[in-house]
């Protein structure tokens, strides 16, 4: 199962998330629910989603 990481970055996929702890919580929950593929694109942040993961 996959997860699109564009929603863990800042508004409009730019910059860091408004709530860093919440972004980490979402990632952990996704893995707990069986996600084994996280889609990160160079434009998500840019590069913020990779740093969070």
PDB file of N, CA and C in Angstrom:
ATOM      1  N   UNK A   1       0.858  -1.161   0.000  1.00  0.00           N
ATOM      2  CA  UNK A   1       0.000   0.000   0.000  1.00  0.00           C
ATOM      3  C   UNK A   1       0.909   1.229   0.000  1.00  0.00           C
ATOM      4  N   UNK A   2       0.516   2.263  -0.716  1.00  0.00           N
ATOM      5  CA  UNK A   2       1.332   3.459  -0.834  1.00  0.00           C
ATOM      6  C   UNK A   2       0.723   4.681  -0.169  1.00  0.00           C
ATOM      7  N   UNK A   3       1.567   5.671   0.063  1.00  0.00           N
ATOM      8  CA  UNK A   3       1.155   6.942   0.662  1.00  0.00           C
ATOM      9  C   UNK A   3       1.833   8.064  -0.120  1.00  0.00           C
ATOM     10  N   UNK A   4       1.068   9.068  -0.514  1.00  0.00           N
ATOM     11  CA  UNK A   4       1.615  10.233  -1.204  1.00  0.00           C
ATOM     12  C   UNK A   4       2.075  11.273  -0.200  1.00  0.00           C
ATOM     13  N   UNK A   5       3.358  11.549  -0.158  1.00  0.00           N
ATOM     14  CA  UNK A   5       3.942  12.405   0.874  1.00  0.00           C
ATOM     15  C   UNK A   5       3.732  13.901   0.652  1.00  0.00           C
ATOM     16  N   UNK A   6       2.997  14.273  -0.388  1.00  0.00           N
ATOM     17  CA  UNK A   6       2.792  15.699  -0.633  1.00  0.00           C
ATOM     18  C   UNK A   6       1.981  16.371   0.469  1.00  0.00           C
ATOM     19  N   UNK A   7       1.236  15.607   1.240  1.00  0.00           N
ATOM     20  CA  UNK A   7       0.392  16.192   2.283  1.00  0.00           C
ATOM     21  C   UNK A   7       1.122  16.398   3.610  1.00  0.00           C
ATOM     22  N   UNK A   8       2.375  15.993   3.717  1.00  0.00           N
ATOM     23  CA  UNK A   8       3.097  16.201   4.980  1.00  0.00           C
ATOM     24  C   UNK A   8       4.011  17.414   4.918  1.00  0.00           C
ATOM     25  N   UNK A   9       4.022  18.100   3.770  1.00  0.00           N
ATOM     26  CA  UNK A   9       4.846  19.297   3.643  1.00  0.00           C
ATOM     27  C   UNK A   9       3.990  20.527   3.923  1.00  0.00           C
ATOM     28  N   UNK A  10       4.546  21.687   3.669  1.00  0.00           N
ATOM     29  CA  UNK A  10       3.837  22.927   3.939  1.00  0.00           C
ATOM     30  C   UNK A  10       2.702  23.189   2.964  1.00  0.00           C
ATOM     31  N   UNK A  11       2.048  24.335   3.126  1.00  0.00           N
ATOM     32  CA  UNK A  11       0.915  24.694   2.273  1.00  0.00           C
ATOM     33  C   UNK A  11       1.288  24.679   0.792  1.00  0.00           C
ATOM     34  N   UNK A  12       0.438  24.057  -0.008  1.00  0.00           N
ATOM     35  CA  UNK A  12       0.686  24.011  -1.438  1.00  0.00           C
ATOM     36  C   UNK A  12       1.925  23.225  -1.814  1.00  0.00           C
ATOM     37  N   UNK A  13       2.320  22.299  -1.007  1.00  0.00           N
ATOM     38  CA  UNK A  13       3.502  21.427  -1.103  1.00  0.00           C
ATOM     39  C   UNK A  13       4.829  22.170  -1.005  1.00  0.00           C
ATOM     40  N   UNK A  14       4.827  23.407  -0.504  1.00  0.00           N
ATOM     41  CA  UNK A  14       6.066  24.175  -0.388  1.00  0.00           C
ATOM     42  C   UNK A  14       6.470  24.350   1.065  1.00  0.00           C
ATOM     43  N   UNK A  15       7.743  24.131   1.347  1.00  0.00           N
ATOM     44  CA  UNK A  15       8.299  24.382   2.660  1.00  0.00           C
ATOM     45  C   UNK A  15       7.940  23.315   3.675  1.00  0.00           C
ATOM     46  N   UNK A  16       8.408  23.540   4.890  1.00  0.00           N
ATOM     47  CA  UNK A  16       8.164  22.565   5.953  1.00  0.00           C
ATOM     48  C   UNK A  16       6.709  22.591   6.412  1.00  0.00           C
ATOM     49  N   UNK A  17       6.276  21.518   7.065  1.00  0.00           N
ATOM     50  CA  UNK A  17       4.897  21.484   7.561  1.00  0.00           C
ATOM     51  C   UNK A  17       4.694  22.501   8.677  1.00  0.00           C
ATOM     52  N   UNK A  18       3.460  22.942   8.839  1.00  0.00           N
ATOM     53  CA  UNK A  18       3.147  23.859   9.940  1.00  0.00           C
ATOM     54  C   UNK A  18       3.342  23.176  11.284  1.00  0.00           C
ATOM     55  N   UNK A  19       3.070  21.877  11.340  1.00  0.00           N
ATOM     56  CA  UNK A  19       3.187  21.104  12.580  1.00  0.00           C
ATOM     57  C   UNK A  19       4.067  19.876  12.316  1.00  0.00           C
ATOM     58  N   UNK A  20       5.346  20.012  12.604  1.00  0.00           N
ATOM     59  CA  UNK A  20       6.327  18.946  12.352  1.00  0.00           C
ATOM     60  C   UNK A  20       5.944  17.662  13.081  1.00  0.00           C
ATOM     61  N   UNK A  21       5.552  17.766  14.333  1.00  0.00           N
ATOM     62  CA  UNK A  21       5.193  16.576  15.122  1.00  0.00           C
ATOM     63  C   UNK A  21       4.002  15.844  14.501  1.00  0.00           C
ATOM     64  N   UNK A  22       3.044  16.587  13.983  1.00  0.00           N
ATOM     65  CA  UNK A  22       1.877  15.964  13.345  1.00  0.00           C
ATOM     66  C   UNK A  22       2.278  15.243  12.060  1.00  0.00           C
ATOM     67  N   UNK A  23       3.176  15.827  11.298  1.00  0.00           N
ATOM     68  CA  UNK A  23       3.651  15.173  10.070  1.00  0.00           C
ATOM     69  C   UNK A  23       4.317  13.837  10.403  1.00  0.00           C
ATOM     70  N   UNK A  24       5.123  13.817  11.444  1.00  0.00           N
ATOM     71  CA  UNK A  24       5.781  12.575  11.870  1.00  0.00           C
ATOM     72  C   UNK A  24       4.738  11.574  12.355  1.00  0.00           C
ATOM     73  N   UNK A  25       3.729  12.047  13.094  1.00  0.00           N
ATOM     74  CA  UNK A  25       2.673  11.159  13.577  1.00  0.00           C
ATOM     75  C   UNK A  25       1.938  10.510  12.407  1.00  0.00           C
ATOM     76  N   UNK A  26       1.645  11.290  11.381  1.00  0.00           N
ATOM     77  CA  UNK A  26       0.953  10.762  10.200  1.00  0.00           C
ATOM     78  C   UNK A  26       1.803   9.691   9.521  1.00  0.00           C
ATOM     79  N   UNK A  27       3.089   9.945   9.369  1.00  0.00           N
ATOM     80  CA  UNK A  27       3.974   8.948   8.752  1.00  0.00           C
ATOM     81  C   UNK A  27       4.011   7.656   9.559  1.00  0.00           C
ATOM     82  N   UNK A  28       4.133   7.779  10.861  1.00  0.00           N
ATOM     83  CA  UNK A  28       4.165   6.578  11.714  1.00  0.00           C
ATOM     84  C   UNK A  28       2.849   5.809  11.629  1.00  0.00           C
ATOM     85  N   UNK A  29       1.742   6.522  11.621  1.00  0.00           N
ATOM     86  CA  UNK A  29       0.432   5.877  11.513  1.00  0.00           C
ATOM     87  C   UNK A  29       0.297   5.160  10.171  1.00  0.00           C
ATOM     88  N   UNK A  30       0.768   5.788   9.116  1.00  0.00           N
ATOM     89  CA  UNK A  30       0.704   5.159   7.795  1.00  0.00           C
ATOM     90  C   UNK A  30       1.458   3.836   7.788  1.00  0.00           C
ATOM     91  N   UNK A  31       2.647   3.822   8.358  1.00  0.00           N
ATOM     92  CA  UNK A  31       3.438   2.586   8.425  1.00  0.00           C
ATOM     93  C   UNK A  31       2.729   1.558   9.298  1.00  0.00           C
ATOM     94  N   UNK A  32       2.189   1.996  10.420  1.00  0.00           N
ATOM     95  CA  UNK A  32       1.440   1.082  11.295  1.00  0.00           C
ATOM     96  C   UNK A  32       0.253   0.453  10.566  1.00  0.00           C
ATOM     97  N   UNK A  33      -0.323   1.186   9.612  1.00  0.00           N
ATOM     98  CA  UNK A  33      -1.487   0.691   8.874  1.00  0.00           C
ATOM     99  C   UNK A  33      -1.102  -0.158   7.661  1.00  0.00           C
ATOM    100  N   UNK A  34       0.193  -0.367   7.465  1.00  0.00           N
ATOM    101  CA  UNK A  34       0.633  -1.259   6.402  1.00  0.00           C
ATOM    102  C   UNK A  34       1.247  -0.606   5.180  1.00  0.00           C
ATOM    103  N   UNK A  35       1.431   0.706   5.212  1.00  0.00           N
ATOM    104  CA  UNK A  35       2.066   1.364   4.074  1.00  0.00           C
ATOM    105  C   UNK A  35       3.501   0.865   3.955  1.00  0.00           C
ATOM    106  N   UNK A  36       3.874   0.451   2.748  1.00  0.00           N
ATOM    107  CA  UNK A  36       5.245  -0.003   2.524  1.00  0.00           C
ATOM    108  C   UNK A  36       5.881   0.707   1.326  1.00  0.00           C
ATOM    109  N   UNK A  37       5.216   1.744   0.842  1.00  0.00           N
ATOM    110  CA  UNK A  37       5.746   2.574  -0.235  1.00  0.00           C
ATOM    111  C   UNK A  37       5.310   4.006   0.025  1.00  0.00           C
ATOM    112  N   UNK A  38       6.273   4.923   0.125  1.00  0.00           N
ATOM    113  CA  UNK A  38       5.969   6.335   0.328  1.00  0.00           C
ATOM    114  C   UNK A  38       6.466   7.095  -0.892  1.00  0.00           C
ATOM    115  N   UNK A  39       5.519   7.730  -1.589  1.00  0.00           N
ATOM    116  CA  UNK A  39       5.837   8.478  -2.798  1.00  0.00           C
ATOM    117  C   UNK A  39       6.368   9.849  -2.415  1.00  0.00           C
ATOM    118  N   UNK A  40       7.627  10.070  -2.684  1.00  0.00           N
ATOM    119  CA  UNK A  40       8.221  11.390  -2.486  1.00  0.00           C
ATOM    120  C   UNK A  40       8.639  11.908  -3.849  1.00  0.00           C
ATOM    121  N   UNK A  41       8.361  13.145  -4.108  1.00  0.00           N
ATOM    122  CA  UNK A  41       8.780  13.765  -5.362  1.00  0.00           C
ATOM    123  C   UNK A  41       9.698  14.924  -5.020  1.00  0.00           C
ATOM    124  N   UNK A  42      10.601  15.236  -5.921  1.00  0.00           N
ATOM    125  CA  UNK A  42      11.528  16.346  -5.678  1.00  0.00           C
ATOM    126  C   UNK A  42      10.801  17.642  -5.350  1.00  0.00           C
ATOM    127  N   UNK A  43       9.585  17.771  -5.849  1.00  0.00           N
ATOM    128  CA  UNK A  43       8.850  19.023  -5.658  1.00  0.00           C
ATOM    129  C   UNK A  43       8.110  19.107  -4.329  1.00  0.00           C
ATOM    130  N   UNK A  44       8.017  18.029  -3.571  1.00  0.00           N
ATOM    131  CA  UNK A  44       7.295  18.063  -2.295  1.00  0.00           C
ATOM    132  C   UNK A  44       8.175  18.718  -1.244  1.00  0.00           C
ATOM    133  N   UNK A  45       8.077  20.002  -1.125  1.00  0.00           N
ATOM    134  CA  UNK A  45       8.837  20.715  -0.106  1.00  0.00           C
ATOM    135  C   UNK A  45       9.600  21.902  -0.650  1.00  0.00           C
ATOM    136  N   UNK A  46      10.480  21.842  -1.589  1.00  0.00           N
ATOM    137  CA  UNK A  46      11.089  20.644  -2.165  1.00  0.00           C
ATOM    138  C   UNK A  46      12.040  19.954  -1.187  1.00  0.00           C
ATOM    139  N   UNK A  47      12.089  18.677  -1.278  1.00  0.00           N
ATOM    140  CA  UNK A  47      12.953  17.773  -0.505  1.00  0.00           C
ATOM    141  C   UNK A  47      12.578  17.670   0.976  1.00  0.00           C
ATOM    142  N   UNK A  48      11.524  18.332   1.396  1.00  0.00           N
ATOM    143  CA  UNK A  48      11.103  18.276   2.795  1.00  0.00           C
ATOM    144  C   UNK A  48      10.551  16.899   3.142  1.00  0.00           C
ATOM    145  N   UNK A  49       9.771  16.308   2.250  1.00  0.00           N
ATOM    146  CA  UNK A  49       9.189  14.993   2.561  1.00  0.00           C
ATOM    147  C   UNK A  49      10.280  13.956   2.804  1.00  0.00           C
ATOM    148  N   UNK A  50      11.351  13.999   2.023  1.00  0.00           N
ATOM    149  CA  UNK A  50      12.460  13.062   2.238  1.00  0.00           C
ATOM    150  C   UNK A  50      13.113  13.286   3.598  1.00  0.00           C
ATOM    151  N   UNK A  51      13.280  14.529   3.996  1.00  0.00           N
ATOM    152  CA  UNK A  51      13.882  14.831   5.299  1.00  0.00           C
ATOM    153  C   UNK A  51      13.004  14.330   6.442  1.00  0.00           C
ATOM    154  N   UNK A  52      11.705  14.477   6.312  1.00  0.00           N
ATOM    155  CA  UNK A  52      10.797  14.019   7.365  1.00  0.00           C
ATOM    156  C   UNK A  52      10.835  12.501   7.507  1.00  0.00           C
ATOM    157  N   UNK A  53      10.901  11.811   6.375  1.00  0.00           N
ATOM    158  CA  UNK A  53      10.918  10.350   6.405  1.00  0.00           C
ATOM    159  C   UNK A  53      12.237   9.874   6.973  1.00  0.00           C
TER     160      UNK A  53
END
